[in-house]
Amino acid sequence: RVLVLKNNVFRVQSGDDRLVTVSIVNPREVLVQGKDVGSTVLNLWFGDPDDATKQETLTYLVRVFPDPEAKERLEKAY
């Protein structure tokens, strides 16, 4: 999933890197890719990276579900 943001993000952090990969595509787009089933948190930092008093943190609960079409694709491949 691509998160399109209203403000520039300067830092991202996932609570469990085994479940999701997080990449900053550009300052207003963050790519979140599920790797395994489960749930974790995603933290995004906005504001001035050099001044902690001018920063805001946004936290999401990210839930990764199994791909409902994965079994069908495997059966077609074999």
N, C-alpha and C. Protein backbone atom coordinates (compact mmCIF):
# COMPACT_ATOMS: atom_id res chain seq x y z
N ARG A 1 0.85 -1.16 0.00
CA ARG A 1 0.00 0.00 0.00
C ARG A 1 0.90 1.23 0.00
N VAL A 2 0.48 2.25 -0.73
CA VAL A 2 1.18 3.53 -0.75
C VAL A 2 0.38 4.51 0.09
N LEU A 3 1.03 5.12 1.07
CA LEU A 3 0.40 6.16 1.88
C LEU A 3 0.77 7.50 1.27
N VAL A 4 -0.23 8.27 0.86
CA VAL A 4 0.00 9.61 0.33
C VAL A 4 -0.31 10.58 1.46
N LEU A 5 0.68 11.38 1.84
CA LEU A 5 0.61 12.23 3.02
C LEU A 5 0.43 13.70 2.65
N LYS A 6 -0.15 14.47 3.56
CA LYS A 6 -0.33 15.90 3.34
C LYS A 6 0.95 16.69 3.63
N ASN A 7 1.77 16.18 4.54
CA ASN A 7 3.01 16.87 4.92
C ASN A 7 4.21 15.97 4.66
N ASN A 8 5.39 16.57 4.61
CA ASN A 8 6.62 15.82 4.39
C ASN A 8 6.98 14.99 5.62
N VAL A 9 7.32 13.74 5.38
CA VAL A 9 7.79 12.85 6.44
C VAL A 9 9.31 12.79 6.34
N PHE A 10 9.99 12.79 7.49
CA PHE A 10 11.45 12.71 7.43
C PHE A 10 12.00 11.42 8.04
N ARG A 11 11.12 10.65 8.70
CA ARG A 11 11.58 9.40 9.31
C ARG A 11 10.40 8.45 9.41
N VAL A 12 10.65 7.15 9.16
CA VAL A 12 9.64 6.11 9.34
C VAL A 12 10.25 4.96 10.13
N GLN A 13 9.40 4.24 10.85
CA GLN A 13 9.89 3.12 11.66
C GLN A 13 8.76 2.11 11.81
N SER A 14 9.11 0.85 11.59
CA SER A 14 8.17 -0.25 11.76
C SER A 14 8.50 -0.97 13.07
N GLY A 15 7.47 -1.36 13.80
CA GLY A 15 7.70 -2.08 15.06
C GLY A 15 8.27 -3.46 14.86
N ASP A 16 7.95 -4.13 13.75
CA ASP A 16 8.43 -5.49 13.48
C ASP A 16 8.78 -5.61 12.01
N ASP A 17 10.06 -5.57 11.70
CA ASP A 17 10.52 -5.63 10.31
C ASP A 17 10.29 -6.99 9.67
N ARG A 18 9.95 -8.00 10.46
CA ARG A 18 9.64 -9.31 9.89
C ARG A 18 8.27 -9.31 9.21
N LEU A 19 7.40 -8.37 9.60
CA LEU A 19 6.04 -8.33 9.06
C LEU A 19 5.87 -7.36 7.90
N VAL A 20 6.55 -6.22 7.94
CA VAL A 20 6.40 -5.21 6.89
C VAL A 20 7.74 -4.58 6.54
N THR A 21 7.83 -4.14 5.30
CA THR A 21 8.94 -3.33 4.82
C THR A 21 8.39 -1.94 4.55
N VAL A 22 9.07 -0.92 5.04
CA VAL A 22 8.60 0.46 4.88
C VAL A 22 9.69 1.26 4.15
N SER A 23 9.28 1.99 3.10
CA SER A 23 10.22 2.79 2.32
C SER A 23 9.61 4.17 2.08
N ILE A 24 10.45 5.19 2.17
CA ILE A 24 10.02 6.54 1.78
C ILE A 24 10.27 6.67 0.29
N VAL A 25 9.19 6.79 -0.49
CA VAL A 25 9.29 6.93 -1.94
C VAL A 25 9.71 8.35 -2.27
N ASN A 26 9.04 9.32 -1.67
CA ASN A 26 9.40 10.73 -1.73
C ASN A 26 8.87 11.33 -0.42
N PRO A 27 9.14 12.59 -0.11
CA PRO A 27 8.75 13.13 1.19
C PRO A 27 7.25 13.04 1.52
N ARG A 28 6.41 12.82 0.52
CA ARG A 28 4.97 12.73 0.79
C ARG A 28 4.35 11.38 0.45
N GLU A 29 5.19 10.39 0.15
CA GLU A 29 4.69 9.04 -0.14
C GLU A 29 5.53 8.01 0.58
N VAL A 30 4.84 7.10 1.26
CA VAL A 30 5.50 6.02 1.99
C VAL A 30 4.92 4.71 1.48
N LEU A 31 5.79 3.76 1.14
CA LEU A 31 5.39 2.45 0.66
C LEU A 31 5.47 1.45 1.81
N VAL A 32 4.37 0.76 2.06
CA VAL A 32 4.31 -0.27 3.11
C VAL A 32 3.99 -1.59 2.43
N GLN A 33 4.90 -2.57 2.55
CA GLN A 33 4.72 -3.87 1.93
C GLN A 33 4.66 -4.95 3.00
N GLY A 34 3.58 -5.73 3.00
CA GLY A 34 3.45 -6.83 3.94
C GLY A 34 4.34 -7.99 3.54
N LYS A 35 5.01 -8.60 4.53
CA LYS A 35 5.87 -9.74 4.28
C LYS A 35 5.35 -11.00 4.95
N ASP A 36 4.64 -10.86 6.06
CA ASP A 36 4.13 -12.01 6.79
C ASP A 36 2.86 -11.58 7.51
N VAL A 37 2.02 -12.53 7.83
CA VAL A 37 0.75 -12.25 8.50
C VAL A 37 1.00 -11.84 9.95
N GLY A 38 0.30 -10.81 10.40
CA GLY A 38 0.41 -10.35 11.78
C GLY A 38 0.09 -8.87 11.87
N SER A 39 0.39 -8.29 13.03
CA SER A 39 0.15 -6.86 13.21
C SER A 39 1.34 -6.22 13.90
N THR A 40 1.56 -4.96 13.57
CA THR A 40 2.67 -4.18 14.13
C THR A 40 2.28 -2.70 14.07
N VAL A 41 3.16 -1.86 14.54
CA VAL A 41 2.92 -0.42 14.47
C VAL A 41 3.84 0.20 13.43
N LEU A 42 3.40 1.32 12.88
CA LEU A 42 4.18 2.10 11.94
C LEU A 42 4.19 3.52 12.47
N ASN A 43 5.37 4.06 12.71
CA ASN A 43 5.53 5.42 13.20
C ASN A 43 6.08 6.31 12.08
N LEU A 44 5.49 7.50 11.94
CA LEU A 44 5.92 8.48 10.94
C LEU A 44 6.23 9.79 11.66
N TRP A 45 7.36 10.41 11.34
CA TRP A 45 7.76 11.67 11.96
C TRP A 45 7.65 12.80 10.94
N PHE A 46 7.01 13.89 11.37
CA PHE A 46 6.81 15.08 10.54
C PHE A 46 7.41 16.29 11.24
N GLY A 47 7.63 17.36 10.49
CA GLY A 47 8.13 18.60 11.08
C GLY A 47 9.59 18.83 10.80
N ASP A 48 10.24 19.53 11.72
CA ASP A 48 11.65 19.91 11.58
C ASP A 48 12.54 18.81 12.16
N PRO A 49 13.31 18.11 11.33
CA PRO A 49 14.16 17.02 11.84
C PRO A 49 15.26 17.50 12.80
N ASP A 50 15.56 18.79 12.78
CA ASP A 50 16.62 19.32 13.63
C ASP A 50 16.11 19.93 14.94
N ASP A 51 14.80 20.02 15.11
CA ASP A 51 14.23 20.63 16.32
C ASP A 51 13.12 19.73 16.86
N ALA A 52 13.41 19.01 17.93
CA ALA A 52 12.45 18.05 18.50
C ALA A 52 11.16 18.70 18.97
N THR A 53 11.20 19.98 19.31
CA THR A 53 9.98 20.66 19.78
C THR A 53 9.02 20.97 18.63
N LYS A 54 9.50 20.86 17.40
CA LYS A 54 8.67 21.15 16.23
C LYS A 54 8.36 19.88 15.42
N GLN A 55 8.38 18.75 16.10
CA GLN A 55 8.10 17.47 15.45
C GLN A 55 6.78 16.90 15.94
N GLU A 56 6.13 16.16 15.04
CA GLU A 56 4.93 15.41 15.39
C GLU A 56 5.12 13.98 14.93
N THR A 57 4.57 13.05 15.69
CA THR A 57 4.64 11.63 15.36
C THR A 57 3.23 11.11 15.14
N LEU A 58 3.07 10.38 14.06
CA LEU A 58 1.80 9.73 13.76
C LEU A 58 2.04 8.23 13.82
N THR A 59 1.19 7.50 14.55
CA THR A 59 1.36 6.06 14.70
C THR A 59 0.14 5.33 14.14
N TYR A 60 0.40 4.34 13.30
CA TYR A 60 -0.63 3.50 12.71
C TYR A 60 -0.50 2.08 13.25
N LEU A 61 -1.62 1.40 13.38
CA LEU A 61 -1.62 -0.05 13.59
C LEU A 61 -1.73 -0.66 12.21
N VAL A 62 -0.75 -1.48 11.83
CA VAL A 62 -0.72 -2.12 10.53
C VAL A 62 -1.03 -3.60 10.72
N ARG A 63 -2.05 -4.08 10.03
CA ARG A 63 -2.43 -5.48 10.09
C ARG A 63 -2.22 -6.09 8.71
N VAL A 64 -1.44 -7.17 8.66
CA VAL A 64 -1.16 -7.87 7.41
C VAL A 64 -1.97 -9.16 7.40
N PHE A 65 -2.81 -9.28 6.36
CA PHE A 65 -3.66 -10.45 6.22
C PHE A 65 -3.09 -11.37 5.14
N PRO A 66 -3.46 -12.66 5.17
CA PRO A 66 -2.98 -13.56 4.10
C PRO A 66 -3.60 -13.17 2.77
N ASP A 67 -2.88 -13.44 1.70
CA ASP A 67 -3.36 -13.16 0.35
C ASP A 67 -4.40 -14.22 -0.01
N PRO A 68 -5.66 -13.81 -0.25
CA PRO A 68 -6.70 -14.80 -0.52
C PRO A 68 -6.52 -15.52 -1.86
N GLU A 69 -5.73 -14.96 -2.77
CA GLU A 69 -5.54 -15.58 -4.08
C GLU A 69 -4.21 -16.34 -4.18
N ALA A 70 -3.43 -16.40 -3.12
CA ALA A 70 -2.11 -17.03 -3.18
C ALA A 70 -2.22 -18.52 -3.51
N LYS A 71 -3.15 -19.22 -2.87
CA LYS A 71 -3.30 -20.66 -3.11
C LYS A 71 -3.67 -20.91 -4.57
N GLU A 72 -4.58 -20.11 -5.11
CA GLU A 72 -5.01 -20.28 -6.50
C GLU A 72 -3.84 -20.07 -7.46
N ARG A 73 -3.00 -19.06 -7.20
CA ARG A 73 -1.84 -18.81 -8.06
C ARG A 73 -0.85 -19.97 -8.00
N LEU A 74 -0.64 -20.52 -6.80
CA LEU A 74 0.28 -21.67 -6.68
C LEU A 74 -0.27 -22.88 -7.41
N GLU A 75 -1.57 -23.13 -7.31
CA GLU A 75 -2.16 -24.28 -8.00
C GLU A 75 -2.03 -24.14 -9.51
N LYS A 76 -2.20 -22.93 -10.03
CA LYS A 76 -2.04 -22.70 -11.47
C LYS A 76 -0.59 -22.90 -11.91
N ALA A 77 0.35 -22.51 -11.05
CA ALA A 77 1.77 -22.63 -11.39
C ALA A 77 2.23 -24.08 -11.43
N TYR A 78 1.60 -24.93 -10.62
CA TYR A 78 2.00 -26.34 -10.58
C TYR A 78 1.04 -27.14 -11.39
